[in-house]
Amino acid sequence: MTLSRTQNIASWALQLIVAGILLQTLFFKFTGAEESKYIFSTLLGDNEAVGRIGSGVIELITAALLLYPRTAWLGALLAVGTACGAILSHLTKLGVVIKDDGGLLFALALTVLVGGAAVLLLRRGEIPVVGHTLRTQAGA
């Protein structure tokens, strides 16, 4: 399944948006911004730095995978998983609003989830399945 021109443009726009959000948030994690320290202290206590830096590394890998055409589907899958973890953390321990951000971080997590899911849907024909791609299995 080859993407049409419109699908390719849509996928790349979404990939850039999701990667941009991930790269922006990892900057705050790597620099130890107050909000990042608060979030990971709330979630992990004394292991705040490990969680914050580890999460940033995952976001860096995810962004890189999204920006490389052959691995964009894998980056999208990781983005969905990362966003699900962030959203779950917001809904269970952190709350939607963090330090008077008006829900911005929560909204960014939702954007990454929806954008990543859309990229995954658009690029579903590129996902390998037991040595083949889905498009081969579907006979396309």
N, C-alpha and C. Protein backbone atom coordinates (compact mmCIF):
# COMPACT_ATOMS: atom_id res chain seq x y z
N MET A 1 0.85 -1.17 0.00
CA MET A 1 0.00 0.00 0.00
C MET A 1 0.89 1.24 0.00
N THR A 2 0.95 1.91 -1.11
CA THR A 2 1.71 3.15 -1.23
C THR A 2 0.79 4.31 -0.86
N LEU A 3 1.32 5.22 -0.09
CA LEU A 3 0.52 6.38 0.29
C LEU A 3 0.28 7.29 -0.90
N SER A 4 -0.93 7.82 -0.98
CA SER A 4 -1.21 8.83 -2.01
C SER A 4 -0.47 10.11 -1.62
N ARG A 5 -0.41 11.03 -2.53
CA ARG A 5 0.27 12.30 -2.25
C ARG A 5 -0.36 12.99 -1.04
N THR A 6 -1.69 13.02 -0.97
CA THR A 6 -2.39 13.65 0.15
C THR A 6 -2.11 12.92 1.46
N GLN A 7 -2.12 11.58 1.43
CA GLN A 7 -1.83 10.81 2.64
C GLN A 7 -0.38 11.03 3.09
N ASN A 8 0.53 11.10 2.15
CA ASN A 8 1.94 11.31 2.47
C ASN A 8 2.14 12.68 3.12
N ILE A 9 1.51 13.71 2.56
CA ILE A 9 1.61 15.06 3.13
C ILE A 9 0.99 15.09 4.52
N ALA A 10 -0.17 14.47 4.68
CA ALA A 10 -0.83 14.44 5.99
C ALA A 10 0.04 13.71 7.01
N SER A 11 0.60 12.57 6.60
CA SER A 11 1.45 11.80 7.51
C SER A 11 2.66 12.61 7.95
N TRP A 12 3.33 13.24 6.97
CA TRP A 12 4.52 14.02 7.31
C TRP A 12 4.18 15.22 8.19
N ALA A 13 3.06 15.87 7.94
CA ALA A 13 2.65 17.00 8.79
C ALA A 13 2.44 16.51 10.22
N LEU A 14 1.76 15.39 10.38
CA LEU A 14 1.51 14.83 11.71
C LEU A 14 2.81 14.36 12.36
N GLN A 15 3.68 13.72 11.58
CA GLN A 15 4.96 13.26 12.12
C GLN A 15 5.78 14.44 12.64
N LEU A 16 5.79 15.54 11.90
CA LEU A 16 6.53 16.72 12.33
C LEU A 16 5.93 17.35 13.58
N ILE A 17 4.62 17.39 13.65
CA ILE A 17 3.95 17.96 14.83
C ILE A 17 4.26 17.12 16.06
N VAL A 18 4.07 15.81 15.94
CA VAL A 18 4.30 14.92 17.09
C VAL A 18 5.77 14.95 17.50
N ALA A 19 6.68 14.85 16.53
CA ALA A 19 8.12 14.90 16.86
C ALA A 19 8.48 16.24 17.48
N GLY A 20 7.92 17.32 16.98
CA GLY A 20 8.18 18.65 17.54
C GLY A 20 7.75 18.75 18.99
N ILE A 21 6.56 18.23 19.30
CA ILE A 21 6.09 18.25 20.69
C ILE A 21 7.02 17.43 21.57
N LEU A 22 7.38 16.24 21.11
CA LEU A 22 8.26 15.37 21.91
C LEU A 22 9.63 16.01 22.13
N LEU A 23 10.19 16.63 21.10
CA LEU A 23 11.50 17.27 21.25
C LEU A 23 11.42 18.47 22.18
N GLN A 24 10.32 19.20 22.14
CA GLN A 24 10.16 20.34 23.04
C GLN A 24 10.06 19.88 24.49
N THR A 25 9.24 18.85 24.75
CA THR A 25 9.08 18.41 26.13
C THR A 25 10.33 17.72 26.67
N LEU A 26 11.06 17.03 25.80
CA LEU A 26 12.29 16.40 26.30
C LEU A 26 13.34 17.44 26.67
N PHE A 27 13.32 18.59 26.01
CA PHE A 27 14.24 19.67 26.39
C PHE A 27 14.03 20.05 27.85
N PHE A 28 12.78 20.18 28.26
CA PHE A 28 12.48 20.54 29.64
C PHE A 28 12.85 19.43 30.61
N LYS A 29 12.73 18.19 30.15
CA LYS A 29 13.13 17.07 31.01
C LYS A 29 14.65 17.05 31.19
N PHE A 30 15.39 17.22 30.10
CA PHE A 30 16.85 17.16 30.18
C PHE A 30 17.44 18.35 30.93
N THR A 31 16.78 19.50 30.88
CA THR A 31 17.32 20.68 31.58
C THR A 31 16.82 20.78 33.02
N GLY A 32 15.97 19.85 33.45
CA GLY A 32 15.50 19.85 34.83
C GLY A 32 14.56 21.00 35.15
N ALA A 33 13.68 21.33 34.23
CA ALA A 33 12.71 22.41 34.46
C ALA A 33 11.85 22.09 35.68
N GLU A 34 11.41 23.11 36.35
CA GLU A 34 10.62 22.96 37.59
C GLU A 34 9.41 22.06 37.40
N GLU A 35 8.67 22.23 36.29
CA GLU A 35 7.48 21.42 36.05
C GLU A 35 7.84 19.95 35.89
N SER A 36 8.92 19.68 35.18
CA SER A 36 9.35 18.29 34.98
C SER A 36 9.75 17.65 36.30
N LYS A 37 10.49 18.38 37.10
CA LYS A 37 10.88 17.84 38.42
C LYS A 37 9.65 17.59 39.28
N TYR A 38 8.70 18.51 39.24
CA TYR A 38 7.46 18.34 40.02
C TYR A 38 6.70 17.09 39.56
N ILE A 39 6.55 16.94 38.25
CA ILE A 39 5.80 15.80 37.71
C ILE A 39 6.44 14.48 38.12
N PHE A 40 7.73 14.35 37.91
CA PHE A 40 8.38 13.08 38.18
C PHE A 40 8.60 12.84 39.67
N SER A 41 8.69 13.89 40.47
CA SER A 41 8.72 13.71 41.93
C SER A 41 7.39 13.20 42.43
N THR A 42 6.31 13.73 41.86
CA THR A 42 4.97 13.27 42.24
C THR A 42 4.78 11.82 41.86
N LEU A 43 5.26 11.44 40.70
CA LEU A 43 5.07 10.08 40.21
C LEU A 43 6.04 9.08 40.83
N LEU A 44 7.31 9.49 41.04
CA LEU A 44 8.35 8.53 41.40
C LEU A 44 9.11 8.85 42.69
N GLY A 45 8.78 9.94 43.33
CA GLY A 45 9.47 10.30 44.56
C GLY A 45 10.95 10.55 44.34
N ASP A 46 11.79 9.83 45.07
CA ASP A 46 13.23 10.04 45.02
C ASP A 46 13.85 9.61 43.68
N ASN A 47 13.13 8.86 42.88
CA ASN A 47 13.64 8.42 41.57
C ASN A 47 13.27 9.39 40.46
N GLU A 48 12.95 10.62 40.82
CA GLU A 48 12.52 11.65 39.87
C GLU A 48 13.48 11.79 38.70
N ALA A 49 14.77 11.91 38.96
CA ALA A 49 15.75 12.16 37.90
C ALA A 49 15.82 10.99 36.92
N VAL A 50 15.78 9.77 37.43
CA VAL A 50 15.82 8.60 36.56
C VAL A 50 14.61 8.57 35.65
N GLY A 51 13.43 8.81 36.19
CA GLY A 51 12.21 8.82 35.39
C GLY A 51 12.19 9.96 34.39
N ARG A 52 12.63 11.12 34.81
CA ARG A 52 12.62 12.30 33.94
C ARG A 52 13.58 12.12 32.78
N ILE A 53 14.81 11.71 33.05
CA ILE A 53 15.80 11.51 32.00
C ILE A 53 15.43 10.30 31.13
N GLY A 54 14.98 9.23 31.75
CA GLY A 54 14.56 8.05 30.99
C GLY A 54 13.42 8.36 30.03
N SER A 55 12.46 9.11 30.51
CA SER A 55 11.34 9.53 29.67
C SER A 55 11.82 10.41 28.52
N GLY A 56 12.76 11.29 28.80
CA GLY A 56 13.33 12.14 27.77
C GLY A 56 14.05 11.33 26.70
N VAL A 57 14.77 10.30 27.11
CA VAL A 57 15.48 9.45 26.16
C VAL A 57 14.47 8.73 25.25
N ILE A 58 13.40 8.22 25.84
CA ILE A 58 12.35 7.56 25.04
C ILE A 58 11.75 8.55 24.05
N GLU A 59 11.51 9.77 24.48
CA GLU A 59 10.94 10.79 23.58
C GLU A 59 11.91 11.13 22.45
N LEU A 60 13.20 11.16 22.75
CA LEU A 60 14.20 11.43 21.71
C LEU A 60 14.23 10.31 20.67
N ILE A 61 14.23 9.08 21.13
CA ILE A 61 14.21 7.93 20.22
C ILE A 61 12.93 7.94 19.38
N THR A 62 11.81 8.21 20.03
CA THR A 62 10.52 8.25 19.33
C THR A 62 10.52 9.31 18.24
N ALA A 63 11.01 10.51 18.56
CA ALA A 63 11.06 11.59 17.57
C ALA A 63 11.95 11.21 16.39
N ALA A 64 13.10 10.61 16.69
CA ALA A 64 14.01 10.20 15.62
C ALA A 64 13.36 9.16 14.71
N LEU A 65 12.68 8.20 15.30
CA LEU A 65 12.00 7.17 14.50
C LEU A 65 10.89 7.77 13.65
N LEU A 66 10.18 8.75 14.18
CA LEU A 66 9.13 9.42 13.42
C LEU A 66 9.67 10.17 12.21
N LEU A 67 10.88 10.67 12.32
CA LEU A 67 11.45 11.50 11.25
C LEU A 67 12.20 10.69 10.19
N TYR A 68 12.35 9.40 10.39
CA TYR A 68 12.99 8.54 9.41
C TYR A 68 11.89 7.73 8.73
N PRO A 69 11.71 7.88 7.43
CA PRO A 69 10.56 7.29 6.74
C PRO A 69 10.34 5.79 6.98
N ARG A 70 11.40 5.01 6.99
CA ARG A 70 11.23 3.55 7.15
C ARG A 70 10.78 3.14 8.55
N THR A 71 10.97 4.02 9.53
CA THR A 71 10.60 3.67 10.90
C THR A 71 9.51 4.58 11.46
N ALA A 72 8.88 5.36 10.60
CA ALA A 72 7.84 6.29 11.07
C ALA A 72 6.71 5.55 11.78
N TRP A 73 6.34 4.38 11.28
CA TRP A 73 5.26 3.62 11.92
C TRP A 73 5.65 3.22 13.35
N LEU A 74 6.92 2.86 13.55
CA LEU A 74 7.38 2.45 14.88
C LEU A 74 7.42 3.67 15.80
N GLY A 75 7.87 4.81 15.29
CA GLY A 75 7.84 6.04 16.07
C GLY A 75 6.42 6.41 16.47
N ALA A 76 5.49 6.21 15.55
CA ALA A 76 4.08 6.51 15.84
C ALA A 76 3.56 5.58 16.94
N LEU A 77 3.94 4.31 16.87
CA LEU A 77 3.52 3.35 17.89
C LEU A 77 4.08 3.74 19.27
N LEU A 78 5.36 4.10 19.30
CA LEU A 78 5.97 4.55 20.56
C LEU A 78 5.34 5.85 21.06
N ALA A 79 5.00 6.74 20.14
CA ALA A 79 4.35 8.00 20.53
C ALA A 79 3.01 7.72 21.18
N VAL A 80 2.25 6.79 20.62
CA VAL A 80 0.95 6.44 21.20
C VAL A 80 1.15 5.86 22.60
N GLY A 81 2.10 4.97 22.75
CA GLY A 81 2.37 4.39 24.07
C GLY A 81 2.83 5.41 25.09
N THR A 82 3.72 6.29 24.67
CA THR A 82 4.22 7.35 25.55
C THR A 82 3.09 8.28 25.97
N ALA A 83 2.25 8.66 25.01
CA ALA A 83 1.13 9.56 25.30
C ALA A 83 0.13 8.89 26.23
N CYS A 84 -0.11 7.59 26.04
CA CYS A 84 -1.03 6.88 26.93
C CYS A 84 -0.51 6.90 28.37
N GLY A 85 0.79 6.70 28.53
CA GLY A 85 1.38 6.77 29.87
C GLY A 85 1.23 8.15 30.49
N ALA A 86 1.47 9.18 29.69
CA ALA A 86 1.34 10.55 30.18
C ALA A 86 -0.11 10.86 30.56
N ILE A 87 -1.05 10.48 29.71
CA ILE A 87 -2.46 10.74 29.96
C ILE A 87 -2.92 9.99 31.21
N LEU A 88 -2.54 8.74 31.34
CA LEU A 88 -2.88 7.96 32.53
C LEU A 88 -2.32 8.61 33.79
N SER A 89 -1.09 9.10 33.72
CA SER A 89 -0.48 9.78 34.87
C SER A 89 -1.26 11.04 35.23
N HIS A 90 -1.68 11.79 34.22
CA HIS A 90 -2.47 12.99 34.47
C HIS A 90 -3.80 12.64 35.13
N LEU A 91 -4.45 11.61 34.63
CA LEU A 91 -5.79 11.27 35.12
C LEU A 91 -5.78 10.59 36.48
N THR A 92 -4.67 9.96 36.86
CA THR A 92 -4.65 9.22 38.12
C THR A 92 -3.90 9.92 39.25
N LYS A 93 -2.80 10.60 38.96
CA LYS A 93 -1.97 11.17 40.03
C LYS A 93 -1.73 12.67 39.91
N LEU A 94 -1.60 13.16 38.70
CA LEU A 94 -1.14 14.54 38.52
C LEU A 94 -2.27 15.56 38.43
N GLY A 95 -3.35 15.17 37.81
CA GLY A 95 -4.41 16.12 37.49
C GLY A 95 -4.17 16.68 36.09
N VAL A 96 -5.21 17.25 35.53
CA VAL A 96 -5.12 17.80 34.18
C VAL A 96 -4.27 19.07 34.16
N VAL A 97 -4.39 19.89 35.18
CA VAL A 97 -3.63 21.15 35.26
C VAL A 97 -2.42 20.92 36.15
N ILE A 98 -1.25 21.25 35.61
CA ILE A 98 0.01 21.12 36.36
C ILE A 98 0.57 22.51 36.60
N LYS A 99 0.72 22.88 37.86
CA LYS A 99 1.35 24.16 38.22
C LYS A 99 0.79 25.32 37.39
N ASP A 100 -0.51 25.42 37.35
CA ASP A 100 -1.20 26.53 36.66
C ASP A 100 -0.90 26.61 35.16
N ASP A 101 -0.71 25.47 34.50
CA ASP A 101 -0.43 25.50 33.05
C ASP A 101 -1.71 25.52 32.21
N GLY A 102 -2.85 25.54 32.87
CA GLY A 102 -4.11 25.57 32.14
C GLY A 102 -4.41 24.29 31.38
N GLY A 103 -3.73 23.21 31.72
CA GLY A 103 -3.94 21.93 31.05
C GLY A 103 -3.11 21.75 29.79
N LEU A 104 -2.13 22.62 29.58
CA LEU A 104 -1.32 22.57 28.35
C LEU A 104 -0.60 21.24 28.19
N LEU A 105 0.04 20.75 29.22
CA LEU A 105 0.77 19.48 29.10
C LEU A 105 -0.18 18.32 28.79
N PHE A 106 -1.36 18.35 29.40
CA PHE A 106 -2.37 17.33 29.13
C PHE A 106 -2.81 17.41 27.66
N ALA A 107 -3.05 18.63 27.19
CA ALA A 107 -3.46 18.83 25.79
C ALA A 107 -2.36 18.37 24.82
N LEU A 108 -1.11 18.61 25.17
CA LEU A 108 -0.01 18.15 24.32
C LEU A 108 0.04 16.62 24.27
N ALA A 109 -0.21 15.98 25.41
CA ALA A 109 -0.24 14.51 25.45
C ALA A 109 -1.38 13.98 24.57
N LEU A 110 -2.53 14.63 24.63
CA LEU A 110 -3.66 14.23 23.77
C LEU A 110 -3.32 14.42 22.29
N THR A 111 -2.64 15.51 21.98
CA THR A 111 -2.23 15.78 20.60
C THR A 111 -1.27 14.72 20.10
N VAL A 112 -0.31 14.33 20.93
CA VAL A 112 0.64 13.27 20.56
C VAL A 112 -0.12 11.95 20.36
N LEU A 113 -1.07 11.66 21.22
CA LEU A 113 -1.85 10.42 21.09
C LEU A 113 -2.62 10.39 19.77
N VAL A 114 -3.36 11.44 19.49
CA VAL A 114 -4.17 11.49 18.26
C VAL A 114 -3.28 11.54 17.02
N GLY A 115 -2.23 12.35 17.05
CA GLY A 115 -1.32 12.45 15.91
C GLY A 115 -0.59 11.14 15.65
N GLY A 116 -0.10 10.52 16.72
CA GLY A 116 0.58 9.23 16.57
C GLY A 116 -0.35 8.15 16.04
N ALA A 117 -1.58 8.12 16.54
CA ALA A 117 -2.56 7.13 16.07
C ALA A 117 -2.88 7.35 14.59
N ALA A 118 -2.99 8.60 14.19
CA ALA A 118 -3.28 8.90 12.78
C ALA A 118 -2.12 8.48 11.87
N VAL A 119 -0.89 8.73 12.30
CA VAL A 119 0.28 8.30 11.51
C VAL A 119 0.29 6.78 11.43
N LEU A 120 0.03 6.12 12.54
CA LEU A 120 0.00 4.66 12.55
C LEU A 120 -1.07 4.13 11.59
N LEU A 121 -2.22 4.75 11.57
CA LEU A 121 -3.28 4.36 10.65
C LEU A 121 -2.87 4.58 9.20
N LEU A 122 -2.31 5.76 8.92
CA LEU A 122 -1.89 6.07 7.55
C LEU A 122 -0.79 5.12 7.06
N ARG A 123 0.11 4.74 7.96
CA ARG A 123 1.27 3.92 7.58
C ARG A 123 1.11 2.45 7.95
N ARG A 124 -0.11 2.02 8.19
CA ARG A 124 -0.36 0.64 8.62
C ARG A 124 0.16 -0.39 7.62
N GLY A 125 0.23 -0.04 6.35
CA GLY A 125 0.74 -0.96 5.35
C GLY A 125 2.23 -1.18 5.42
N GLU A 126 2.93 -0.40 6.23
CA GLU A 126 4.39 -0.53 6.37
C GLU A 126 4.79 -1.36 7.58
N ILE A 127 3.82 -1.77 8.38
CA ILE A 127 4.12 -2.49 9.62
C ILE A 127 4.46 -3.94 9.29
N PRO A 128 5.65 -4.40 9.68
CA PRO A 128 6.02 -5.79 9.39
C PRO A 128 5.23 -6.78 10.26
N VAL A 129 4.83 -7.88 9.64
CA VAL A 129 4.11 -8.93 10.36
C VAL A 129 4.75 -10.26 9.99
N VAL A 130 5.48 -10.85 10.91
CA VAL A 130 6.14 -12.13 10.73
C VAL A 130 6.85 -12.21 9.38
N GLY A 131 7.76 -11.27 9.17
CA GLY A 131 8.59 -11.30 7.97
C GLY A 131 7.94 -10.67 6.74
N HIS A 132 6.72 -10.25 6.84
CA HIS A 132 6.03 -9.61 5.73
C HIS A 132 5.44 -8.30 6.23
N THR A 133 4.98 -7.48 5.31
CA THR A 133 4.26 -6.29 5.72
C THR A 133 2.78 -6.54 5.59
N LEU A 134 1.98 -5.71 6.23
CA LEU A 134 0.53 -5.86 6.16
C LEU A 134 0.04 -5.78 4.73
N ARG A 135 0.68 -4.94 3.93
CA ARG A 135 0.24 -4.81 2.54
C ARG A 135 0.45 -6.12 1.78
N THR A 136 1.49 -6.88 2.10
CA THR A 136 1.73 -8.17 1.46
C THR A 136 0.65 -9.16 1.89
N GLN A 137 0.32 -9.16 3.15
CA GLN A 137 -0.70 -10.06 3.66
C GLN A 137 -2.06 -9.77 3.05
N ALA A 138 -2.34 -8.50 2.80
CA ALA A 138 -3.64 -8.10 2.24
C ALA A 138 -3.70 -8.32 0.74
N GLY A 139 -2.57 -8.68 0.14
CA GLY A 139 -2.54 -8.95 -1.29
C GLY A 139 -2.38 -7.70 -2.14
N ALA A 140 -2.02 -6.58 -1.52
CA ALA A 140 -1.86 -5.32 -2.28
C ALA A 140 -0.52 -5.24 -2.92
